[in-house]
Amino acid sequence: MPTKIFTVGHIVDIATVHVPHQGKTTFVDIVEDENKHVLYRYRYHATKFHKYAQRVERGTLVVVEGTVAKDTLLKPPDTQRSTILVDGESFRVLQRLPSQEISLDEQLPAWTIGDDNE
């Protein structure tokens, strides 16, 4: 049975890469304030999410939800954090950095798999 996971934390990295047999995939690395020893790596396959993620900056506080992937990574040798790979389903910005001044018209909507934005 798939395990659902809900994470509230700060973005430490965003990358879009081409993954064999999966196409373009966006990875969003998130660290919670209370547990800095675990890195949550959310992956999103939707094309519209790639464009959405380009407008989100590192350090932004987000709340995300997904399903823990069966190919979860545990403690890669080159890092001090354990990594949990999650298939992302929703993504909401909670708080932007103070340097990110945007008008209400430009604010990013919440993104969820299955939205018309996909």
PDB file of N, CA and C in Angstrom:
ATOM      1  N   MET A   1       0.843  -1.179   0.000  1.00  0.00           N
ATOM      2  CA  MET A   1       0.000   0.000   0.000  1.00  0.00           C
ATOM      3  C   MET A   1       0.888   1.243   0.000  1.00  0.00           C
ATOM      4  N   PRO A   2       0.644   2.192  -0.911  1.00  0.00           N
ATOM      5  CA  PRO A   2       1.472   3.396  -0.980  1.00  0.00           C
ATOM      6  C   PRO A   2       1.337   4.238   0.291  1.00  0.00           C
ATOM      7  N   THR A   3       2.443   4.857   0.669  1.00  0.00           N
ATOM      8  CA  THR A   3       2.471   5.704   1.855  1.00  0.00           C
ATOM      9  C   THR A   3       2.372   7.164   1.446  1.00  0.00           C
ATOM     10  N   LYS A   4       1.323   7.842   1.913  1.00  0.00           N
ATOM     11  CA  LYS A   4       1.163   9.270   1.654  1.00  0.00           C
ATOM     12  C   LYS A   4       2.061  10.045   2.610  1.00  0.00           C
ATOM     13  N   ILE A   5       2.595  11.168   2.143  1.00  0.00           N
ATOM     14  CA  ILE A   5       3.451  11.995   2.984  1.00  0.00           C
ATOM     15  C   ILE A   5       3.102  13.455   2.762  1.00  0.00           C
ATOM     16  N   PHE A   6       3.205  14.224   3.815  1.00  0.00           N
ATOM     17  CA  PHE A   6       2.854  15.641   3.811  1.00  0.00           C
ATOM     18  C   PHE A   6       4.050  16.372   4.405  1.00  0.00           C
ATOM     19  N   THR A   7       4.623  17.334   3.695  1.00  0.00           N
ATOM     20  CA  THR A   7       5.836  18.012   4.140  1.00  0.00           C
ATOM     21  C   THR A   7       5.645  19.516   4.124  1.00  0.00           C
ATOM     22  N   VAL A   8       6.059  20.172   5.207  1.00  0.00           N
ATOM     23  CA  VAL A   8       6.101  21.630   5.273  1.00  0.00           C
ATOM     24  C   VAL A   8       7.554  21.998   5.495  1.00  0.00           C
ATOM     25  N   GLY A   9       8.146  22.738   4.550  1.00  0.00           N
ATOM     26  CA  GLY A   9       9.558  23.074   4.684  1.00  0.00           C
ATOM     27  C   GLY A   9      10.009  24.076   3.643  1.00  0.00           C
ATOM     28  N   HIS A  10      11.318  24.312   3.636  1.00  0.00           N
ATOM     29  CA  HIS A  10      11.920  25.282   2.724  1.00  0.00           C
ATOM     30  C   HIS A  10      12.581  24.565   1.550  1.00  0.00           C
ATOM     31  N   ILE A  11      12.450  25.150   0.376  1.00  0.00           N
ATOM     32  CA  ILE A  11      13.063  24.598  -0.823  1.00  0.00           C
ATOM     33  C   ILE A  11      14.565  24.860  -0.768  1.00  0.00           C
ATOM     34  N   VAL A  12      15.357  23.801  -0.970  1.00  0.00           N
ATOM     35  CA  VAL A  12      16.811  23.969  -1.022  1.00  0.00           C
ATOM     36  C   VAL A  12      17.339  23.829  -2.445  1.00  0.00           C
ATOM     37  N   ASP A  13      16.555  23.206  -3.335  1.00  0.00           N
ATOM     38  CA  ASP A  13      16.991  23.088  -4.727  1.00  0.00           C
ATOM     39  C   ASP A  13      15.810  22.700  -5.607  1.00  0.00           C
ATOM     40  N   ILE A  14      15.845  23.166  -6.856  1.00  0.00           N
ATOM     41  CA  ILE A  14      14.855  22.798  -7.873  1.00  0.00           C
ATOM     42  C   ILE A  14      15.631  22.498  -9.151  1.00  0.00           C
ATOM     43  N   ALA A  15      15.361  21.344  -9.761  1.00  0.00           N
ATOM     44  CA  ALA A  15      16.048  20.978 -11.001  1.00  0.00           C
ATOM     45  C   ALA A  15      15.087  20.237 -11.913  1.00  0.00           C
ATOM     46  N   THR A  16      15.155  20.564 -13.203  1.00  0.00           N
ATOM     47  CA  THR A  16      14.379  19.849 -14.210  1.00  0.00           C
ATOM     48  C   THR A  16      15.373  19.104 -15.087  1.00  0.00           C
ATOM     49  N   VAL A  17      15.189  17.794 -15.188  1.00  0.00           N
ATOM     50  CA  VAL A  17      16.103  16.952 -15.955  1.00  0.00           C
ATOM     51  C   VAL A  17      15.300  15.987 -16.825  1.00  0.00           C
ATOM     52  N   HIS A  18      15.978  15.419 -17.818  1.00  0.00           N
ATOM     53  CA  HIS A  18      15.354  14.379 -18.642  1.00  0.00           C
ATOM     54  C   HIS A  18      15.715  13.031 -18.028  1.00  0.00           C
ATOM     55  N   VAL A  19      14.709  12.281 -17.635  1.00  0.00           N
ATOM     56  CA  VAL A  19      14.903  10.962 -17.031  1.00  0.00           C
ATOM     57  C   VAL A  19      14.505   9.915 -18.070  1.00  0.00           C
ATOM     58  N   PRO A  20      15.374   8.933 -18.353  1.00  0.00           N
ATOM     59  CA  PRO A  20      15.025   7.892 -19.334  1.00  0.00           C
ATOM     60  C   PRO A  20      13.709   7.200 -18.975  1.00  0.00           C
ATOM     61  N   HIS A  21      12.891   6.969 -19.967  1.00  0.00           N
ATOM     62  CA  HIS A  21      11.596   6.288 -19.848  1.00  0.00           C
ATOM     63  C   HIS A  21      10.555   7.107 -19.084  1.00  0.00           C
ATOM     64  N   GLN A  22      10.901   8.306 -18.611  1.00  0.00           N
ATOM     65  CA  GLN A  22       9.940   9.135 -17.882  1.00  0.00           C
ATOM     66  C   GLN A  22       9.803  10.525 -18.489  1.00  0.00           C
ATOM     67  N   GLY A  23      10.745  10.915 -19.324  1.00  0.00           N
ATOM     68  CA  GLY A  23      10.700  12.240 -19.925  1.00  0.00           C
ATOM     69  C   GLY A  23      11.203  13.311 -18.964  1.00  0.00           C
ATOM     70  N   LYS A  24      10.748  14.539 -19.200  1.00  0.00           N
ATOM     71  CA  LYS A  24      11.164  15.659 -18.368  1.00  0.00           C
ATOM     72  C   LYS A  24      10.557  15.543 -16.974  1.00  0.00           C
ATOM     73  N   THR A  25      11.402  15.636 -15.969  1.00  0.00           N
ATOM     74  CA  THR A  25      10.966  15.520 -14.588  1.00  0.00           C
ATOM     75  C   THR A  25      11.555  16.667 -13.778  1.00  0.00           C
ATOM     76  N   THR A  26      10.727  17.274 -12.935  1.00  0.00           N
ATOM     77  CA  THR A  26      11.197  18.342 -12.051  1.00  0.00           C
ATOM     78  C   THR A  26      11.332  17.779 -10.648  1.00  0.00           C
ATOM     79  N   PHE A  27      12.516  17.961 -10.064  1.00  0.00           N
ATOM     80  CA  PHE A  27      12.784  17.536  -8.697  1.00  0.00           C
ATOM     81  C   PHE A  27      12.844  18.768  -7.808  1.00  0.00           C
ATOM     82  N   VAL A  28      12.125  18.726  -6.694  1.00  0.00           N
ATOM     83  CA  VAL A  28      12.120  19.820  -5.723  1.00  0.00           C
ATOM     84  C   VAL A  28      12.599  19.242  -4.398  1.00  0.00           C
ATOM     85  N   ASP A  29      13.755  19.728  -3.919  1.00  0.00           N
ATOM     86  CA  ASP A  29      14.312  19.260  -2.650  1.00  0.00           C
ATOM     87  C   ASP A  29      13.843  20.174  -1.525  1.00  0.00           C
ATOM     88  N   ILE A  30      13.286  19.566  -0.474  1.00  0.00           N
ATOM     89  CA  ILE A  30      12.695  20.316   0.635  1.00  0.00           C
ATOM     90  C   ILE A  30      13.256  19.795   1.952  1.00  0.00           C
ATOM     91  N   VAL A  31      13.569  20.733   2.860  1.00  0.00           N
ATOM     92  CA  VAL A  31      14.043  20.384   4.199  1.00  0.00           C
ATOM     93  C   VAL A  31      13.112  21.024   5.208  1.00  0.00           C
ATOM     94  N   GLU A  32      12.674  20.222   6.188  1.00  0.00           N
ATOM     95  CA  GLU A  32      11.841  20.733   7.269  1.00  0.00           C
ATOM     96  C   GLU A  32      12.725  21.420   8.308  1.00  0.00           C
ATOM     97  N   ASP A  33      12.177  22.419   8.986  1.00  0.00           N
ATOM     98  CA  ASP A  33      12.941  23.120  10.016  1.00  0.00           C
ATOM     99  C   ASP A  33      13.256  22.220  11.198  1.00  0.00           C
ATOM    100  N   GLU A  34      12.331  21.345  11.577  1.00  0.00           N
ATOM    101  CA  GLU A  34      12.508  20.495  12.755  1.00  0.00           C
ATOM    102  C   GLU A  34      13.427  19.300  12.495  1.00  0.00           C
ATOM    103  N   ASN A  35      13.530  18.846  11.256  1.00  0.00           N
ATOM    104  CA  ASN A  35      14.302  17.648  10.960  1.00  0.00           C
ATOM    105  C   ASN A  35      15.210  17.907   9.760  1.00  0.00           C
ATOM    106  N   LYS A  36      16.346  18.499  10.003  1.00  0.00           N
ATOM    107  CA  LYS A  36      17.257  18.861   8.921  1.00  0.00           C
ATOM    108  C   LYS A  36      18.105  17.685   8.432  1.00  0.00           C
ATOM    109  N   HIS A  37      17.957  16.510   9.045  1.00  0.00           N
ATOM    110  CA  HIS A  37      18.736  15.337   8.650  1.00  0.00           C
ATOM    111  C   HIS A  37      18.068  14.551   7.533  1.00  0.00           C
ATOM    112  N   VAL A  38      16.845  14.966   7.154  1.00  0.00           N
ATOM    113  CA  VAL A  38      16.118  14.276   6.082  1.00  0.00           C
ATOM    114  C   VAL A  38      15.838  15.265   4.955  1.00  0.00           C
ATOM    115  N   LEU A  39      16.148  14.856   3.746  1.00  0.00           N
ATOM    116  CA  LEU A  39      15.860  15.647   2.553  1.00  0.00           C
ATOM    117  C   LEU A  39      14.699  14.975   1.837  1.00  0.00           C
ATOM    118  N   TYR A  40      13.651  15.722   1.589  1.00  0.00           N
ATOM    119  CA  TYR A  40      12.504  15.205   0.846  1.00  0.00           C
ATOM    120  C   TYR A  40      12.664  15.644  -0.600  1.00  0.00           C
ATOM    121  N   ARG A  41      12.805  14.702  -1.512  1.00  0.00           N
ATOM    122  CA  ARG A  41      12.974  15.011  -2.932  1.00  0.00           C
ATOM    123  C   ARG A  41      11.667  14.660  -3.642  1.00  0.00           C
ATOM    124  N   TYR A  42      10.876  15.686  -3.901  1.00  0.00           N
ATOM    125  CA  TYR A  42       9.599  15.502  -4.595  1.00  0.00           C
ATOM    126  C   TYR A  42       9.846  15.559  -6.093  1.00  0.00           C
ATOM    127  N   ARG A  43       9.213  14.646  -6.834  1.00  0.00           N
ATOM    128  CA  ARG A  43       9.359  14.683  -8.291  1.00  0.00           C
ATOM    129  C   ARG A  43       7.985  14.860  -8.928  1.00  0.00           C
ATOM    130  N   TYR A  44       7.991  15.699  -9.969  1.00  0.00           N
ATOM    131  CA  TYR A  44       6.761  16.023 -10.695  1.00  0.00           C
ATOM    132  C   TYR A  44       7.026  15.804 -12.175  1.00  0.00           C
ATOM    133  N   HIS A  45       6.099  15.112 -12.844  1.00  0.00           N
ATOM    134  CA  HIS A  45       6.272  14.786 -14.258  1.00  0.00           C
ATOM    135  C   HIS A  45       5.471  15.700 -15.182  1.00  0.00           C
ATOM    136  N   ALA A  46       4.482  16.405 -14.675  1.00  0.00           N
ATOM    137  CA  ALA A  46       3.599  17.215 -15.520  1.00  0.00           C
ATOM    138  C   ALA A  46       4.364  18.356 -16.191  1.00  0.00           C
ATOM    139  N   THR A  47       4.113  18.549 -17.460  1.00  0.00           N
ATOM    140  CA  THR A  47       4.789  19.588 -18.230  1.00  0.00           C
ATOM    141  C   THR A  47       4.508  20.981 -17.679  1.00  0.00           C
ATOM    142  N   LYS A  48       3.277  21.236 -17.298  1.00  0.00           N
ATOM    143  CA  LYS A  48       2.919  22.561 -16.777  1.00  0.00           C
ATOM    144  C   LYS A  48       3.641  22.858 -15.463  1.00  0.00           C
ATOM    145  N   PHE A  49       3.959  21.824 -14.686  1.00  0.00           N
ATOM    146  CA  PHE A  49       4.648  22.057 -13.420  1.00  0.00           C
ATOM    147  C   PHE A  49       6.062  22.570 -13.651  1.00  0.00           C
ATOM    148  N   HIS A  50       6.710  22.178 -14.747  1.00  0.00           N
ATOM    149  CA  HIS A  50       8.064  22.653 -15.035  1.00  0.00           C
ATOM    150  C   HIS A  50       8.072  24.172 -15.133  1.00  0.00           C
ATOM    151  N   LYS A  51       7.093  24.726 -15.832  1.00  0.00           N
ATOM    152  CA  LYS A  51       6.990  26.183 -15.974  1.00  0.00           C
ATOM    153  C   LYS A  51       6.653  26.840 -14.644  1.00  0.00           C
ATOM    154  N   TYR A  52       5.782  26.201 -13.884  1.00  0.00           N
ATOM    155  CA  TYR A  52       5.390  26.700 -12.567  1.00  0.00           C
ATOM    156  C   TYR A  52       6.608  26.754 -11.633  1.00  0.00           C
ATOM    157  N   ALA A  53       7.416  25.702 -11.631  1.00  0.00           N
ATOM    158  CA  ALA A  53       8.567  25.599 -10.726  1.00  0.00           C
ATOM    159  C   ALA A  53       9.640  26.623 -11.046  1.00  0.00           C
ATOM    160  N   GLN A  54       9.722  27.078 -12.282  1.00  0.00           N
ATOM    161  CA  GLN A  54      10.726  28.081 -12.659  1.00  0.00           C
ATOM    162  C   GLN A  54      10.506  29.408 -11.949  1.00  0.00           C
ATOM    163  N   ARG A  55       9.303  29.658 -11.473  1.00  0.00           N
ATOM    164  CA  ARG A  55       8.982  30.918 -10.816  1.00  0.00           C
ATOM    165  C   ARG A  55       9.125  30.849  -9.298  1.00  0.00           C
ATOM    166  N   VAL A  56       9.445  29.673  -8.773  1.00  0.00           N
ATOM    167  CA  VAL A  56       9.602  29.491  -7.332  1.00  0.00           C
ATOM    168  C   VAL A  56      11.094  29.489  -7.011  1.00  0.00           C
ATOM    169  N   GLU A  57      11.490  30.216  -5.978  1.00  0.00           N
ATOM    170  CA  GLU A  57      12.910  30.339  -5.643  1.00  0.00           C
ATOM    171  C   GLU A  57      13.301  29.507  -4.439  1.00  0.00           C
ATOM    172  N   ARG A  58      14.593  29.235  -4.341  1.00  0.00           N
ATOM    173  CA  ARG A  58      15.126  28.534  -3.164  1.00  0.00           C
ATOM    174  C   ARG A  58      14.825  29.352  -1.918  1.00  0.00           C
ATOM    175  N   GLY A  59      14.541  28.651  -0.824  1.00  0.00           N
ATOM    176  CA  GLY A  59      14.252  29.316   0.432  1.00  0.00           C
ATOM    177  C   GLY A  59      12.778  29.572   0.667  1.00  0.00           C
ATOM    178  N   THR A  60      11.955  29.394  -0.359  1.00  0.00           N
ATOM    179  CA  THR A  60      10.519  29.595  -0.236  1.00  0.00           C
ATOM    180  C   THR A  60       9.925  28.519   0.659  1.00  0.00           C
ATOM    181  N   LEU A  61       9.039  28.920   1.567  1.00  0.00           N
ATOM    182  CA  LEU A  61       8.356  27.971   2.447  1.00  0.00           C
ATOM    183  C   LEU A  61       7.152  27.409   1.699  1.00  0.00           C
ATOM    184  N   VAL A  62       7.087  26.076   1.615  1.00  0.00           N
ATOM    185  CA  VAL A  62       6.017  25.421   0.867  1.00  0.00           C
ATOM    186  C   VAL A  62       5.407  24.289   1.680  1.00  0.00           C
ATOM    187  N   VAL A  63       4.224  23.882   1.265  1.00  0.00           N
ATOM    188  CA  VAL A  63       3.594  22.670   1.799  1.00  0.00           C
ATOM    189  C   VAL A  63       3.309  21.787   0.586  1.00  0.00           C
ATOM    190  N   VAL A  64       3.783  20.538   0.646  1.00  0.00           N
ATOM    191  CA  VAL A  64       3.648  19.619  -0.475  1.00  0.00           C
ATOM    192  C   VAL A  64       3.143  18.271   0.024  1.00  0.00           C
ATOM    193  N   GLU A  65       2.536  17.548  -0.895  1.00  0.00           N
ATOM    194  CA  GLU A  65       1.975  16.245  -0.551  1.00  0.00           C
ATOM    195  C   GLU A  65       2.271  15.284  -1.681  1.00  0.00           C
ATOM    196  N   GLY A  66       2.457  14.021  -1.339  1.00  0.00           N
ATOM    197  CA  GLY A  66       2.713  13.030  -2.364  1.00  0.00           C
ATOM    198  C   GLY A  66       2.715  11.626  -1.802  1.00  0.00           C
ATOM    199  N   THR A  67       3.191  10.701  -2.629  1.00  0.00           N
ATOM    200  CA  THR A  67       3.272   9.297  -2.267  1.00  0.00           C
ATOM    201  C   THR A  67       4.732   8.886  -2.287  1.00  0.00           C
ATOM    202  N   VAL A  68       5.185   8.256  -1.217  1.00  0.00           N
ATOM    203  CA  VAL A  68       6.571   7.814  -1.147  1.00  0.00           C
ATOM    204  C   VAL A  68       6.817   6.819  -2.280  1.00  0.00           C
ATOM    205  N   ALA A  69       7.865   7.082  -3.072  1.00  0.00           N
ATOM    206  CA  ALA A  69       8.172   6.237  -4.229  1.00  0.00           C
ATOM    207  C   ALA A  69       8.768   4.909  -3.788  1.00  0.00           C
ATOM    208  N   LYS A  70       8.519   3.884  -4.594  1.00  0.00           N
ATOM    209  CA  LYS A  70       9.057   2.570  -4.249  1.00  0.00           C
ATOM    210  C   LYS A  70      10.576   2.526  -4.391  1.00  0.00           C
ATOM    211  N   ASP A  71      11.147   3.453  -5.177  1.00  0.00           N
ATOM    212  CA  ASP A  71      12.601   3.510  -5.326  1.00  0.00           C
ATOM    213  C   ASP A  71      13.195   4.608  -4.442  1.00  0.00           C
ATOM    214  N   THR A  72      12.751   4.653  -3.201  1.00  0.00           N
ATOM    215  CA  THR A  72      13.218   5.640  -2.243  1.00  0.00           C
ATOM    216  C   THR A  72      14.713   5.486  -1.997  1.00  0.00           C
ATOM    217  N   LEU A  73      15.419   6.617  -1.930  1.00  0.00           N
ATOM    218  CA  LEU A  73      16.848   6.613  -1.645  1.00  0.00           C
ATOM    219  C   LEU A  73      17.060   6.700  -0.137  1.00  0.00           C
ATOM    220  N   LEU A  74      17.983   5.948   0.378  1.00  0.00           N
ATOM    221  CA  LEU A  74      18.293   6.013   1.797  1.00  0.00           C
ATOM    222  C   LEU A  74      19.774   6.306   1.991  1.00  0.00           C
ATOM    223  N   LYS A  75      20.093   7.415   2.559  1.00  0.00           N
ATOM    224  CA  LYS A  75      21.452   7.805   2.933  1.00  0.00           C
ATOM    225  C   LYS A  75      22.473   7.639   1.805  1.00  0.00           C
ATOM    226  N   PRO A  76      22.415   8.490   0.776  1.00  0.00           N
ATOM    227  CA  PRO A  76      23.461   8.436  -0.253  1.00  0.00           C
ATOM    228  C   PRO A  76      24.824   8.672   0.392  1.00  0.00           C
ATOM    229  N   PRO A  77      25.877   8.032  -0.100  1.00  0.00           N
ATOM    230  CA  PRO A  77      27.183   8.103   0.546  1.00  0.00           C
ATOM    231  C   PRO A  77      27.826   9.495   0.547  1.00  0.00           C
ATOM    232  N   ASP A  78      27.441  10.375  -0.389  1.00  0.00           N
ATOM    233  CA  ASP A  78      28.101  11.675  -0.489  1.00  0.00           C
ATOM    234  C   ASP A  78      27.379  12.791   0.268  1.00  0.00           C
ATOM    235  N   THR A  79      26.443  12.459   1.125  1.00  0.00           N
ATOM    236  CA  THR A  79      25.721  13.487   1.855  1.00  0.00           C
ATOM    237  C   THR A  79      25.479  13.042   3.292  1.00  0.00           C
ATOM    238  N   GLN A  80      25.205  14.011   4.157  1.00  0.00           N
ATOM    239  CA  GLN A  80      24.934  13.684   5.553  1.00  0.00           C
ATOM    240  C   GLN A  80      23.435  13.539   5.812  1.00  0.00           C
ATOM    241  N   ARG A  81      22.620  13.818   4.816  1.00  0.00           N
ATOM    242  CA  ARG A  81      21.164  13.697   4.963  1.00  0.00           C
ATOM    243  C   ARG A  81      20.661  12.424   4.322  1.00  0.00           C
ATOM    244  N   SER A  82      19.672  11.817   4.935  1.00  0.00           N
ATOM    245  CA  SER A  82      18.941  10.735   4.290  1.00  0.00           C
ATOM    246  C   SER A  82      17.971  11.385   3.309  1.00  0.00           C
ATOM    247  N   THR A  83      17.692  10.716   2.210  1.00  0.00           N
ATOM    248  CA  THR A  83      16.801  11.268   1.190  1.00  0.00           C
ATOM    249  C   THR A  83      15.600  10.364   1.013  1.00  0.00           C
ATOM    250  N   ILE A  84      14.424  10.977   0.997  1.00  0.00           N
ATOM    251  CA  ILE A  84      13.188  10.250   0.728  1.00  0.00           C
ATOM    252  C   ILE A  84      12.643  10.761  -0.600  1.00  0.00           C
ATOM    253  N   LEU A  85      12.487   9.865  -1.561  1.00  0.00           N
ATOM    254  CA  LEU A  85      11.977  10.230  -2.876  1.00  0.00           C
ATOM    255  C   LEU A  85      10.458  10.099  -2.861  1.00  0.00           C
ATOM    256  N   VAL A  86       9.774  11.174  -3.292  1.00  0.00           N
ATOM    257  CA  VAL A  86       8.313  11.227  -3.218  1.00  0.00           C
ATOM    258  C   VAL A  86       7.751  11.643  -4.571  1.00  0.00           C
ATOM    259  N   ASP A  87       6.709  10.943  -5.033  1.00  0.00           N
ATOM    260  CA  ASP A  87       5.993  11.350  -6.242  1.00  0.00           C
ATOM    261  C   ASP A  87       5.020  12.445  -5.832  1.00  0.00           C
ATOM    262  N   GLY A  88       5.320  13.684  -6.223  1.00  0.00           N
ATOM    263  CA  GLY A  88       4.533  14.834  -5.799  1.00  0.00           C
ATOM    264  C   GLY A  88       3.144  14.868  -6.401  1.00  0.00           C
ATOM    265  N   GLU A  89       2.179  15.287  -5.578  1.00  0.00           N
ATOM    266  CA  GLU A  89       0.795  15.404  -6.030  1.00  0.00           C
ATOM    267  C   GLU A  89       0.257  16.819  -5.880  1.00  0.00           C
ATOM    268  N   SER A  90       0.719  17.536  -4.878  1.00  0.00           N
ATOM    269  CA  SER A  90       0.277  18.922  -4.730  1.00  0.00           C
ATOM    270  C   SER A  90       1.449  19.771  -4.258  1.00  0.00           C
ATOM    271  N   PHE A  91       1.345  21.089  -4.468  1.00  0.00           N
ATOM    272  CA  PHE A  91       2.438  22.013  -4.162  1.00  0.00           C
ATOM    273  C   PHE A  91       1.830  23.380  -3.905  1.00  0.00           C
ATOM    274  N   ARG A  92       2.032  23.908  -2.699  1.00  0.00           N
ATOM    275  CA  ARG A  92       1.495  25.225  -2.370  1.00  0.00           C
ATOM    276  C   ARG A  92       2.567  26.071  -1.726  1.00  0.00           C
ATOM    277  N   VAL A  93       2.663  27.317  -2.150  1.00  0.00           N
ATOM    278  CA  VAL A  93       3.604  28.260  -1.562  1.00  0.00           C
ATOM    279  C   VAL A  93       2.957  28.862  -0.317  1.00  0.00           C
ATOM    280  N   LEU A  94       3.637  28.739   0.832  1.00  0.00           N
ATOM    281  CA  LEU A  94       3.124  29.320   2.076  1.00  0.00           C
ATOM    282  C   LEU A  94       3.695  30.709   2.318  1.00  0.00           C
ATOM    283  N   GLN A  95       4.998  30.862   2.097  1.00  0.00           N
ATOM    284  CA  GLN A  95       5.639  32.153   2.361  1.00  0.00           C
ATOM    285  C   GLN A  95       6.837  32.327   1.442  1.00  0.00           C
ATOM    286  N   ARG A  96       6.863  33.472   0.799  1.00  0.00           N
ATOM    287  CA  ARG A  96       7.981  33.804  -0.083  1.00  0.00           C
ATOM    288  C   ARG A  96       9.069  34.501   0.710  1.00  0.00           C
ATOM    289  N   LEU A  97      10.246  34.567   0.128  1.00  0.00           N
ATOM    290  CA  LEU A  97      11.335  35.307   0.744  1.00  0.00           C
ATOM    291  C   LEU A  97      11.020  36.799   0.702  1.00  0.00           C
ATOM    292  N   PRO A  98      11.500  37.584   1.672  1.00  0.00           N
ATOM    293  CA  PRO A  98      11.234  39.033   1.670  1.00  0.00           C
ATOM    294  C   PRO A  98      11.706  39.711   0.391  1.00  0.00           C
ATOM    295  N   SER A  99      12.742  39.180  -0.248  1.00  0.00           N
ATOM    296  CA  SER A  99      13.258  39.786  -1.482  1.00  0.00           C
ATOM    297  C   SER A  99      12.366  39.525  -2.685  1.00  0.00           C
ATOM    298  N   GLN A 100      11.408  38.626  -2.547  1.00  0.00           N
ATOM    299  CA  GLN A 100      10.521  38.271  -3.650  1.00  0.00           C
ATOM    300  C   GLN A 100       9.271  39.148  -3.603  1.00  0.00           C
ATOM    301  N   GLU A 101       9.372  40.351  -4.083  1.00  0.00           N
ATOM    302  CA  GLU A 101       8.246  41.275  -4.110  1.00  0.00           C
ATOM    303  C   GLU A 101       7.463  41.058  -5.401  1.00  0.00           C
ATOM    304  N   ILE A 102       6.221  40.605  -5.271  1.00  0.00           N
ATOM    305  CA  ILE A 102       5.366  40.460  -6.446  1.00  0.00           C
ATOM    306  C   ILE A 102       3.979  40.973  -6.096  1.00  0.00           C
ATOM    307  N   SER A 103       3.254  41.390  -7.101  1.00  0.00           N
ATOM    308  CA  SER A 103       1.909  41.906  -6.872  1.00  0.00           C
ATOM    309  C   SER A 103       0.936  40.741  -6.703  1.00  0.00           C
ATOM    310  N   LEU A 104      -0.263  41.041  -6.216  1.00  0.00           N
ATOM    311  CA  LEU A 104      -1.270  40.005  -6.047  1.00  0.00           C
ATOM    312  C   LEU A 104      -1.627  39.340  -7.368  1.00  0.00           C
ATOM    313  N   ASP A 105      -1.571  40.109  -8.458  1.00  0.00           N
ATOM    314  CA  ASP A 105      -1.899  39.559  -9.771  1.00  0.00           C
ATOM    315  C   ASP A 105      -0.884  38.520 -10.227  1.00  0.00           C
ATOM    316  N   GLU A 106       0.360  38.606  -9.726  1.00  0.00           N
ATOM    317  CA  GLU A 106       1.415  37.703 -10.163  1.00  0.00           C
ATOM    318  C   GLU A 106       1.597  36.510  -9.244  1.00  0.00           C
ATOM    319  N   GLN A 107       0.885  36.456  -8.119  1.00  0.00           N
ATOM    320  CA  GLN A 107       1.091  35.362  -7.178  1.00  0.00           C
ATOM    321  C   GLN A 107       0.791  34.025  -7.828  1.00  0.00           C
ATOM    322  N   LEU A 108       1.590  33.040  -7.445  1.00  0.00           N
ATOM    323  CA  LEU A 108       1.421  31.701  -8.007  1.00  0.00           C
ATOM    324  C   LEU A 108       0.219  31.012  -7.388  1.00  0.00           C
ATOM    325  N   PRO A 109      -0.579  30.362  -8.199  1.00  0.00           N
ATOM    326  CA  PRO A 109      -1.680  29.571  -7.634  1.00  0.00           C
ATOM    327  C   PRO A 109      -1.125  28.281  -7.052  1.00  0.00           C
ATOM    328  N   ALA A 110      -1.917  27.600  -6.278  1.00  0.00           N
ATOM    329  CA  ALA A 110      -1.528  26.275  -5.790  1.00  0.00           C
ATOM    330  C   ALA A 110      -1.524  25.338  -6.989  1.00  0.00           C
ATOM    331  N   TRP A 111      -0.676  24.345  -6.984  1.00  0.00           N
ATOM    332  CA  TRP A 111      -0.600  23.393  -8.087  1.00  0.00           C
ATOM    333  C   TRP A 111      -0.907  22.009  -7.562  1.00  0.00           C
ATOM    334  N   THR A 112      -1.808  21.325  -8.233  1.00  0.00           N
ATOM    335  CA  THR A 112      -2.202  19.977  -7.836  1.00  0.00           C
ATOM    336  C   THR A 112      -2.319  19.110  -9.074  1.00  0.00           C
ATOM    337  N   ILE A 113      -1.863  17.875  -8.989  1.00  0.00           N
ATOM    338  CA  ILE A 113      -1.999  16.955 -10.127  1.00  0.00           C
ATOM    339  C   ILE A 113      -3.489  16.794 -10.413  1.00  0.00           C
ATOM    340  N   GLY A 114      -3.823  16.865 -11.686  1.00  0.00           N
ATOM    341  CA  GLY A 114      -5.216  16.738 -12.080  1.00  0.00           C
ATOM    342  C   GLY A 114      -5.887  18.079 -12.307  1.00  0.00           C
ATOM    343  N   ASP A 115      -5.223  19.186 -11.912  1.00  0.00           N
ATOM    344  CA  ASP A 115      -5.770  20.514 -12.189  1.00  0.00           C
ATOM    345  C   ASP A 115      -5.788  20.736 -13.692  1.00  0.00           C
ATOM    346  N   ASP A 116      -6.510  21.735 -14.107  1.00  0.00           N
ATOM    347  CA  ASP A 116      -6.518  22.097 -15.522  1.00  0.00           C
ATOM    348  C   ASP A 116      -5.139  22.569 -15.967  1.00  0.00           C
ATOM    349  N   ASN A 117      -4.274  22.916 -15.009  1.00  0.00           N
ATOM    350  CA  ASN A 117      -2.927  23.404 -15.320  1.00  0.00           C
ATOM    351  C   ASN A 117      -2.002  22.302 -15.759  1.00  0.00           C
ATOM    352  N   GLU A 118      -2.401  21.051 -15.645  1.00  0.00           N
ATOM    353  CA  GLU A 118      -1.492  19.949 -15.953  1.00  0.00           C
ATOM    354  C   GLU A 118      -1.304  19.764 -17.426  1.00  0.00           C
TER     355      GLU A 118
END
